[in-house]
Amino acid sequence: MTTKAAAVHHKGRSFLLKTGVVAAGSVAAAQATVIASLAGLDWWKHRNRKVRDAPRPGTFTAQVEDSELKIYTSGATVYEDMLDAIDGAQTSIHMETFIWKNDDVGQRFLDALNAAAERGVAVFVIYDGFANLVIPNSFYRFSDKVNVFRMPAVRRKWWRGPLRYTGVNHSKILVVDDTTGFVGGYNIGSMYASQWRDTHVREVGPAVWGLRNSIAKVWNEDRHPREQIEWVSPQNWDPEVRVAANLPVQLVYPIRYLYLSAIERAKDHIWITTPYFIPDQQILDGLVRASKRGVDVRVMVPKDSNHILADWVSRGFYGQLLDAEITILLYAASMIHAKTATIDGEWSTVGTANIDRLSLSFNYETNVEIIDPDFAAEMEKVFEADSEHCETLSSPRWRDRHRMARFAETVLIPLRPIL
């Protein structure tokens, strides 16, 4: 290359580099403007929003093999049953939660766990540090007899592999005496008792083993054998109620495959409820393929969730869903926080994982998978009851939205992997 040609080549590279930097800066500036605008809009909405109780479709039960399963759609009801189980505990309590508010409900759980430990019950508690940064540490006054692990917001040993220490503990599980277990979307707090529409499941019987084992795996990681939760054997090898639990420290994320496999099998219908819908490409493609082969695919999301940025990132997928004739149901009665799905009247899941990148690829999450027609029938009743409080999004209406809305959705596309 001649000196002149080299100079031209160098100038060309410099121009491209500068252009790329300017373009990246422009995108970042546009994103910052959109996010600031959405934050202001969210503040205004919350300031003017009337607080109202969420609809409660009721409780639903089903017998699956040797276990009794109960579906809760009311926080007040599930809290009472959880506290009754803690108060009646005789040998052990294992609890894992994400948000734990310092209000009346939070205090009742704290007092009940302390009382159980004082009367000789082995109590193990895991709660997330990041989710509770705004809660004063003075609130968490546990008895010296309670075994507590506050998962730190900033992990040590990050140098062993950043992906292993990035996820928050988003699971919400309670297991009492190895015979009664609860799992679902409900965090601990007074607001969730009445104002949010969520779903939890109680298991009584052998099915509880999977929930207990998932808590033990998180607790036992890097602990001395004397401090670990002991392993107990399951009662059967191939149950119809199974637990899929993400374990980021081991780079294990089975819940994503649980959804992908079930979607791939669907022949008749797929009904999903999730508060934050930001799917990866494989899950999105799976839903589109299912719809194109004639499956009735319905996705229920909040009309306005508690995270306005997640709402707007989610809306970037609506056009593709509508083009594939997938039904989008916007739940308008309150904040819906349930993480559930039911397929073909056979398969169902209830748990803590959202259909987003954080839940399926980073966080500690726990979902129960039930393959049983009676349970699926009850889950369909819940979905149909919730559908009565939804607005169905139509393609013409969506296509006619304001061009600034389209601009915001486009600018926010790069944020999909981190939400």
Protein backbone atom coordinates (compact mmCIF):
# COMPACT_ATOMS: atom_id res chain seq x y z
CA MET A 1 0.00 0.00 0.00
CA THR A 2 1.40 3.40 -0.98
CA THR A 3 1.83 6.19 1.53
CA LYS A 4 -1.06 8.10 -0.06
CA ALA A 5 -3.31 5.04 -0.05
CA ALA A 6 -2.41 4.34 3.58
CA ALA A 7 -3.36 7.89 4.51
CA VAL A 8 -6.71 7.57 2.74
CA HIS A 9 -7.33 4.22 4.45
CA HIS A 10 -6.47 5.72 7.85
CA LYS A 11 -8.81 8.67 7.28
CA GLY A 12 -11.57 6.29 6.23
CA ARG A 13 -11.19 4.22 9.39
CA SER A 14 -11.13 7.36 11.51
CA PHE A 15 -14.30 8.62 9.82
CA LEU A 16 -16.10 5.31 10.41
CA LEU A 17 -14.97 5.22 14.03
CA LYS A 18 -16.12 8.78 14.65
CA THR A 19 -19.41 8.08 12.89
CA GLY A 20 -19.97 5.00 15.05
CA VAL A 21 -19.21 6.90 18.23
CA VAL A 22 -21.57 9.71 17.23
CA ALA A 23 -24.31 7.20 16.34
CA ALA A 24 -23.88 5.35 19.63
CA GLY A 25 -23.97 8.63 21.49
CA SER A 26 -27.14 9.65 19.67
CA VAL A 27 -28.85 6.37 20.54
CA ALA A 28 -27.79 6.68 24.18
CA ALA A 29 -29.09 10.25 24.31
CA ALA A 30 -32.39 9.19 22.76
CA GLN A 31 -32.69 6.32 25.25
CA ALA A 32 -31.97 8.64 28.17
CA THR A 33 -34.64 11.08 26.94
CA VAL A 34 -37.22 8.31 26.51
CA ILE A 35 -36.45 6.79 29.92
CA ALA A 36 -36.66 10.17 31.65
CA SER A 37 -39.98 10.88 29.93
CA LEU A 38 -41.36 7.49 30.94
CA ALA A 39 -40.21 8.01 34.53
CA GLY A 40 -42.08 11.31 34.63
CA LEU A 41 -45.17 9.71 33.14
CA ASP A 42 -44.98 6.89 35.67
CA TRP A 43 -44.71 9.35 38.56
CA TRP A 44 -47.74 11.26 37.31
CA LYS A 45 -49.79 8.07 36.88
CA HIS A 46 -49.01 6.83 40.38
CA ARG A 47 -49.77 10.22 41.86
CA ASN A 48 -53.23 10.26 40.28
CA ARG A 49 -54.03 6.56 40.45
CA LYS A 50 -56.77 5.47 42.82
CA VAL A 51 -55.84 2.57 45.06
CA ARG A 52 -58.30 -0.29 44.70
CA ASP A 53 -58.44 -3.94 45.61
CA ALA A 54 -57.61 -6.47 42.92
CA PRO A 55 -60.22 -8.95 41.72
CA ARG A 56 -59.99 -12.34 43.41
CA PRO A 57 -61.23 -15.20 41.25
CA GLY A 58 -61.19 -17.48 44.31
CA THR A 59 -59.34 -20.62 45.37
CA PHE A 60 -59.23 -23.80 43.32
CA THR A 61 -58.17 -27.32 44.29
CA ALA A 62 -57.12 -30.48 42.51
CA GLN A 63 -55.80 -33.87 43.57
CA VAL A 64 -52.65 -34.81 41.66
CA GLU A 65 -51.40 -38.31 42.45
CA ASP A 66 -51.00 -38.41 46.24
CA SER A 67 -50.78 -34.64 46.71
CA GLU A 68 -53.47 -32.05 47.21
CA LEU A 69 -52.89 -28.80 45.29
CA LYS A 70 -54.61 -25.52 46.02
CA ILE A 71 -54.47 -22.45 43.76
CA TYR A 72 -54.63 -19.04 45.46
CA THR A 73 -55.55 -15.77 43.76
CA SER A 74 -55.77 -13.66 46.93
CA GLY A 75 -52.74 -12.55 48.90
CA ALA A 76 -54.69 -12.20 52.12
CA THR A 77 -55.87 -15.81 51.86
CA VAL A 78 -52.50 -17.34 51.03
CA TYR A 79 -50.76 -15.34 53.78
CA GLU A 80 -53.20 -16.65 56.39
CA ASP A 81 -52.62 -20.23 55.29
CA MET A 82 -48.85 -19.73 55.22
CA LEU A 83 -48.86 -18.25 58.72
CA ASP A 84 -51.10 -21.06 59.98
CA ALA A 85 -48.61 -23.57 58.58
CA ILE A 86 -45.69 -21.78 60.29
CA ASP A 87 -47.58 -21.61 63.59
CA GLY A 88 -48.31 -25.33 63.37
CA ALA A 89 -44.79 -26.38 62.39
CA GLN A 90 -43.35 -29.21 64.48
CA THR A 91 -39.95 -30.03 62.97
CA SER A 92 -38.79 -27.70 60.19
CA ILE A 93 -39.47 -24.54 58.19
CA HIS A 94 -37.64 -23.59 54.99
CA MET A 95 -38.50 -20.20 53.49
CA GLU A 96 -37.13 -18.28 50.52
CA THR A 97 -38.43 -14.89 49.40
CA PHE A 98 -37.60 -11.88 47.25
CA ILE A 99 -39.28 -8.72 48.63
CA TRP A 100 -40.02 -8.67 52.37
CA LYS A 101 -41.71 -5.43 53.39
CA ASN A 102 -41.39 -3.92 56.87
CA ASP A 103 -45.14 -3.55 57.32
CA ASP A 104 -47.84 -5.41 59.26
CA VAL A 105 -47.72 -8.49 57.04
CA GLY A 106 -43.92 -8.56 57.03
CA GLN A 107 -43.86 -8.27 60.82
CA ARG A 108 -46.32 -11.14 61.23
CA PHE A 109 -44.07 -13.43 59.20
CA LEU A 110 -40.99 -12.35 61.15
CA ASP A 111 -42.72 -12.91 64.50
CA ALA A 112 -44.10 -16.31 63.44
CA LEU A 113 -40.69 -17.56 62.26
CA ASN A 114 -39.00 -16.38 65.46
CA ALA A 115 -41.67 -18.02 67.61
CA ALA A 116 -41.28 -21.31 65.73
CA ALA A 117 -37.51 -21.28 66.23
CA GLU A 118 -37.92 -20.52 69.93
CA ARG A 119 -40.14 -23.57 70.41
CA GLY A 120 -37.52 -25.83 68.82
CA VAL A 121 -38.41 -25.90 65.11
CA ALA A 122 -35.42 -25.86 62.73
CA VAL A 123 -35.94 -22.63 60.75
CA PHE A 124 -34.00 -21.70 57.60
CA VAL A 125 -34.66 -18.36 55.86
CA ILE A 126 -33.23 -16.98 52.61
CA TYR A 127 -34.14 -13.49 51.40
CA ASP A 128 -32.68 -11.22 48.75
CA GLY A 129 -30.48 -8.30 49.72
CA PHE A 130 -30.90 -6.25 46.55
CA ALA A 131 -34.71 -6.42 46.61
CA ASN A 132 -34.74 -5.12 50.18
CA LEU A 133 -32.14 -2.36 50.01
CA VAL A 134 -34.81 0.20 50.92
CA ILE A 135 -35.86 -1.76 54.02
CA PRO A 136 -33.94 -0.81 57.21
CA ASN A 137 -31.71 -3.64 58.40
CA SER A 138 -33.10 -3.06 61.87
CA PHE A 139 -36.40 -4.59 60.72
CA TYR A 140 -34.90 -8.04 60.24
CA ARG A 141 -34.54 -8.92 63.92
CA PHE A 142 -34.33 -12.68 63.83
CA SER A 143 -34.01 -14.92 66.82
CA ASP A 144 -30.51 -16.31 67.31
CA LYS A 145 -32.09 -19.71 66.70
CA VAL A 146 -33.15 -18.83 63.13
CA ASN A 147 -30.71 -19.76 60.37
CA VAL A 148 -30.66 -16.75 58.02
CA PHE A 149 -29.00 -16.05 54.68
CA ARG A 150 -29.46 -12.58 53.23
CA MET A 151 -28.25 -13.04 49.67
CA PRO A 152 -25.93 -10.05 49.14
CA ALA A 153 -26.63 -7.46 46.49
CA VAL A 154 -22.96 -7.55 45.48
CA ARG A 155 -21.50 -11.04 45.46
CA ARG A 156 -18.03 -12.11 46.35
CA LYS A 157 -16.05 -14.44 44.12
CA TRP A 158 -17.28 -12.60 41.01
CA TRP A 159 -13.88 -13.35 39.49
CA ARG A 160 -14.84 -17.05 39.39
CA GLY A 161 -17.34 -16.21 36.67
CA PRO A 162 -19.48 -13.04 36.53
CA LEU A 163 -22.58 -14.82 35.25
CA ARG A 164 -22.60 -17.04 38.35
CA TYR A 165 -22.98 -14.09 40.70
CA THR A 166 -25.29 -11.67 38.90
CA GLY A 167 -28.80 -13.01 39.46
CA VAL A 168 -31.04 -11.94 42.33
CA ASN A 169 -32.94 -14.48 44.41
CA HIS A 170 -36.43 -14.05 42.96
CA SER A 171 -37.88 -17.28 44.38
CA LYS A 172 -40.79 -17.25 46.82
CA ILE A 173 -41.14 -20.61 48.60
CA LEU A 174 -42.28 -21.85 51.99
CA VAL A 175 -41.96 -25.50 53.08
CA VAL A 176 -43.19 -26.68 56.49
CA ASP A 177 -42.42 -30.08 58.04
CA ASP A 178 -41.57 -31.45 54.58
CA THR A 179 -45.29 -32.02 54.02
CA THR A 180 -46.72 -28.61 53.07
CA GLY A 181 -45.23 -26.27 50.49
CA PHE A 182 -46.14 -22.93 48.89
CA VAL A 183 -44.74 -21.35 45.74
CA GLY A 184 -45.81 -18.57 43.38
CA GLY A 185 -45.60 -14.88 42.66
CA TYR A 186 -46.54 -13.36 46.02
CA ASN A 187 -43.85 -11.38 47.81
CA ILE A 188 -44.38 -10.56 51.50
CA GLY A 189 -46.16 -7.26 52.14
CA SER A 190 -49.50 -5.62 52.86
CA MET A 191 -49.85 -4.12 49.37
CA TYR A 192 -49.65 -7.56 47.76
CA ALA A 193 -52.36 -8.89 50.07
CA SER A 194 -55.10 -6.90 48.42
CA GLN A 195 -53.96 -4.57 45.62
CA TRP A 196 -52.12 -7.02 43.30
CA ARG A 197 -53.57 -9.97 41.36
CA ASP A 198 -51.12 -12.80 41.80
CA THR A 199 -51.13 -16.60 41.91
CA HIS A 200 -49.65 -19.01 44.43
CA VAL A 201 -49.96 -22.78 44.84
CA ARG A 202 -49.96 -24.90 47.99
CA GLU A 203 -48.89 -28.53 47.85
CA VAL A 204 -49.72 -31.00 50.61
CA GLY A 205 -48.12 -34.40 50.17
CA PRO A 206 -45.11 -35.96 48.42
CA ALA A 207 -44.95 -33.21 45.77
CA VAL A 208 -43.38 -30.91 48.40
CA TRP A 209 -40.03 -32.67 48.03
CA GLY A 210 -39.05 -30.67 44.95
CA LEU A 211 -39.63 -27.32 46.68
CA ARG A 212 -37.63 -28.36 49.74
CA ASN A 213 -34.81 -29.63 47.57
CA SER A 214 -34.64 -26.38 45.59
CA ILE A 215 -34.21 -24.33 48.80
CA ALA A 216 -31.59 -26.76 50.09
CA LYS A 217 -29.50 -26.37 46.93
CA VAL A 218 -29.36 -22.59 47.33
CA TRP A 219 -28.62 -22.80 51.06
CA ASN A 220 -25.97 -25.51 50.82
CA GLU A 221 -23.85 -23.84 48.16
CA ASP A 222 -20.32 -23.31 49.56
CA ARG A 223 -21.42 -24.16 53.12
CA HIS A 224 -19.64 -26.45 55.52
CA PRO A 225 -21.37 -29.86 55.73
CA ARG A 226 -22.32 -29.19 59.36
CA GLU A 227 -24.27 -26.09 58.28
CA GLN A 228 -26.09 -27.65 55.34
CA ILE A 229 -29.73 -28.66 55.04
CA GLU A 230 -29.79 -32.43 54.99
CA TRP A 231 -30.93 -34.31 51.91
CA VAL A 232 -34.14 -36.33 52.13
CA SER A 233 -35.34 -38.88 49.59
CA PRO A 234 -38.36 -38.35 47.32
CA GLN A 235 -41.28 -40.75 47.55
CA ASN A 236 -41.50 -41.47 43.83
CA TRP A 237 -39.16 -41.30 40.87
CA ASP A 238 -41.35 -39.90 38.07
CA PRO A 239 -43.91 -37.55 39.65
CA GLU A 240 -46.58 -35.59 37.81
CA VAL A 241 -45.62 -32.56 39.91
CA ARG A 242 -42.06 -31.45 39.34
CA VAL A 243 -39.96 -28.44 40.27
CA ALA A 244 -37.69 -26.53 37.92
CA ALA A 245 -35.34 -24.20 39.78
CA ASN A 246 -32.70 -21.90 38.34
CA LEU A 247 -29.32 -22.10 40.09
CA PRO A 248 -27.14 -19.36 38.57
CA VAL A 249 -24.10 -20.23 40.67
CA GLN A 250 -23.99 -23.49 38.71
CA LEU A 251 -25.20 -21.90 35.44
CA VAL A 252 -28.34 -24.05 35.56
CA TYR A 253 -31.53 -22.52 34.06
CA PRO A 254 -34.15 -25.26 33.51
CA ILE A 255 -37.25 -23.03 33.54
CA ARG A 256 -36.49 -21.66 30.09
CA TYR A 257 -36.33 -25.18 28.67
CA LEU A 258 -39.52 -26.06 30.57
CA TYR A 259 -41.37 -23.36 28.61
CA LEU A 260 -39.70 -24.11 25.29
CA SER A 261 -40.51 -27.82 25.53
CA ALA A 262 -44.15 -27.25 26.50
CA ILE A 263 -44.69 -24.66 23.75
CA GLU A 264 -43.21 -27.04 21.19
CA ARG A 265 -45.65 -29.80 22.23
CA ALA A 266 -48.77 -27.61 22.13
CA LYS A 267 -51.56 -28.80 19.82
CA ASP A 268 -54.64 -26.87 20.94
CA HIS A 269 -53.99 -23.84 23.18
CA ILE A 270 -51.31 -21.94 25.07
CA TRP A 271 -52.53 -19.50 27.71
CA ILE A 272 -49.78 -17.49 29.43
CA THR A 273 -49.98 -14.89 32.17
CA THR A 274 -46.88 -12.85 32.97
CA PRO A 275 -46.33 -9.37 34.41
CA TYR A 276 -43.29 -8.68 32.23
CA PHE A 277 -43.18 -10.11 28.70
CA ILE A 278 -39.73 -9.64 27.17
CA PRO A 279 -39.05 -13.03 25.54
CA ASP A 280 -35.82 -14.14 23.95
CA GLN A 281 -35.91 -15.02 20.26
CA GLN A 282 -36.38 -18.77 20.80
CA ILE A 283 -39.45 -18.38 23.00
CA LEU A 284 -40.91 -15.71 20.71
CA ASP A 285 -40.35 -17.93 17.66
CA GLY A 286 -41.90 -20.90 19.48
CA LEU A 287 -45.09 -18.97 20.20
CA VAL A 288 -45.29 -17.68 16.62
CA ARG A 289 -44.81 -21.18 15.17
CA ALA A 290 -47.46 -22.56 17.50
CA SER A 291 -49.98 -19.95 16.39
CA LYS A 292 -49.20 -20.59 12.73
CA ARG A 293 -49.93 -24.30 13.16
CA GLY A 294 -53.36 -23.48 14.57
CA VAL A 295 -52.74 -23.29 18.32
CA ASP A 296 -54.80 -20.71 20.22
CA VAL A 297 -52.03 -18.60 21.78
CA ARG A 298 -53.04 -15.98 24.34
CA VAL A 299 -50.64 -13.81 26.33
CA MET A 300 -52.01 -11.87 29.30
CA VAL A 301 -49.97 -8.93 30.59
CA PRO A 302 -50.75 -5.86 32.71
CA LYS A 303 -52.16 -2.89 30.86
CA ASP A 304 -49.91 -0.83 33.15
CA SER A 305 -47.46 -2.67 35.38
CA ASN A 306 -45.36 -1.33 38.25
CA HIS A 307 -42.37 -1.03 35.85
CA ILE A 308 -43.24 1.36 33.04
CA LEU A 309 -39.91 0.80 31.27
CA ALA A 310 -40.57 -2.96 31.09
CA ASP A 311 -44.05 -2.20 29.71
CA TRP A 312 -42.65 -0.16 26.85
CA VAL A 313 -39.92 -2.65 26.03
CA SER A 314 -42.59 -5.36 25.99
CA ARG A 315 -44.74 -3.36 23.56
CA GLY A 316 -41.98 -3.66 21.00
CA PHE A 317 -43.04 -7.31 20.56
CA TYR A 318 -46.77 -6.68 20.10
CA GLY A 319 -46.66 -6.09 16.35
CA GLN A 320 -44.98 -9.44 15.68
CA LEU A 321 -47.43 -11.23 17.99
CA LEU A 322 -50.45 -9.64 16.34
CA ASP A 323 -49.10 -10.45 12.87
CA ALA A 324 -48.97 -14.10 13.96
CA GLU A 325 -52.61 -13.87 15.19
CA ILE A 326 -51.59 -14.25 18.83
CA THR A 327 -54.12 -12.75 21.24
CA ILE A 328 -52.78 -10.05 23.57
CA LEU A 329 -54.88 -9.50 26.68
CA LEU A 330 -54.23 -6.32 28.68
CA TYR A 331 -55.27 -6.81 32.31
CA ALA A 332 -56.78 -3.49 33.38
CA ALA A 333 -58.31 -4.07 36.83
CA SER A 334 -55.04 -3.85 38.81
CA MET A 335 -51.42 -4.89 38.65
CA ILE A 336 -51.34 -8.57 37.66
CA HIS A 337 -48.15 -10.26 38.88
CA ALA A 338 -49.01 -13.92 38.26
CA LYS A 339 -46.46 -16.11 36.46
CA THR A 340 -48.51 -18.98 35.08
CA ALA A 341 -49.25 -20.95 31.93
CA THR A 342 -51.54 -23.80 30.93
CA ILE A 343 -51.37 -25.77 27.68
CA ASP A 344 -53.74 -28.20 25.98
CA GLY A 345 -55.68 -28.99 29.16
CA GLU A 346 -52.77 -31.18 30.30
CA TRP A 347 -49.73 -29.12 31.25
CA SER A 348 -49.47 -26.17 33.64
CA THR A 349 -46.86 -24.17 35.49
CA VAL A 350 -47.05 -21.77 38.42
CA GLY A 351 -44.04 -20.09 39.89
CA THR A 352 -41.78 -17.09 40.24
CA ALA A 353 -40.28 -16.73 36.75
CA ASN A 354 -41.41 -14.02 34.35
CA ILE A 355 -41.16 -14.43 30.58
CA ASP A 356 -38.12 -12.16 30.38
CA ARG A 357 -34.35 -12.43 30.13
CA LEU A 358 -33.66 -11.76 33.82
CA SER A 359 -35.91 -14.57 35.05
CA LEU A 360 -35.01 -17.14 32.43
CA SER A 361 -31.28 -16.47 32.08
CA PHE A 362 -29.96 -14.81 35.26
CA ASN A 363 -32.11 -15.04 38.40
CA TYR A 364 -32.71 -17.67 41.04
CA GLU A 365 -36.27 -18.74 40.20
CA THR A 366 -38.57 -21.64 41.06
CA ASN A 367 -41.51 -22.97 39.03
CA VAL A 368 -43.65 -26.00 39.67
CA GLU A 369 -44.69 -28.01 36.61
CA ILE A 370 -47.91 -30.04 36.80
CA ILE A 371 -48.94 -32.54 34.15
CA ASP A 372 -52.52 -33.30 35.08
CA PRO A 373 -55.85 -32.55 33.34
CA ASP A 374 -57.76 -31.81 36.56
CA PHE A 375 -55.23 -29.21 37.65
CA ALA A 376 -55.10 -27.74 34.14
CA ALA A 377 -58.89 -27.39 34.19
CA GLU A 378 -58.65 -25.31 37.38
CA MET A 379 -55.89 -23.15 35.87
CA GLU A 380 -58.10 -22.51 32.85
CA LYS A 381 -60.87 -21.31 35.18
CA VAL A 382 -58.44 -18.80 36.69
CA PHE A 383 -57.33 -17.58 33.25
CA GLU A 384 -60.89 -17.19 32.02
CA ALA A 385 -61.86 -15.27 35.18
CA ASP A 386 -58.90 -12.92 34.72
CA SER A 387 -59.77 -12.49 31.04
CA GLU A 388 -63.01 -10.80 32.07
CA HIS A 389 -60.91 -7.88 33.35
CA CYS A 390 -58.84 -7.57 30.17
CA GLU A 391 -58.88 -5.43 27.07
CA THR A 392 -58.09 -7.36 23.89
CA LEU A 393 -55.52 -5.56 21.77
CA SER A 394 -56.46 -5.44 18.09
CA SER A 395 -54.07 -5.10 15.17
CA PRO A 396 -55.71 -1.98 13.63
CA ARG A 397 -55.72 -0.20 16.97
CA TRP A 398 -52.08 -1.06 17.56
CA ARG A 399 -51.03 0.04 14.07
CA ASP A 400 -52.66 3.42 14.61
CA ARG A 401 -50.70 4.30 17.74
CA HIS A 402 -48.83 7.63 17.83
CA ARG A 403 -45.55 7.76 15.90
CA MET A 404 -43.73 8.95 19.04
CA ALA A 405 -44.78 5.72 20.71
CA ARG A 406 -43.24 3.78 17.84
CA PHE A 407 -40.07 5.83 18.18
CA ALA A 408 -39.83 5.07 21.91
CA GLU A 409 -40.34 1.35 21.32
CA THR A 410 -37.61 1.30 18.69
CA VAL A 411 -35.12 3.23 20.83
CA LEU A 412 -35.65 0.82 23.73
CA ILE A 413 -34.97 -2.37 21.71
CA PRO A 414 -31.30 -2.55 22.88
CA LEU A 415 -32.51 -2.82 26.49
CA ARG A 416 -34.30 -6.14 25.91
CA PRO A 417 -31.39 -8.34 27.07
CA ILE A 418 -31.15 -6.62 30.47
CA LEU A 419 -34.86 -6.43 31.36
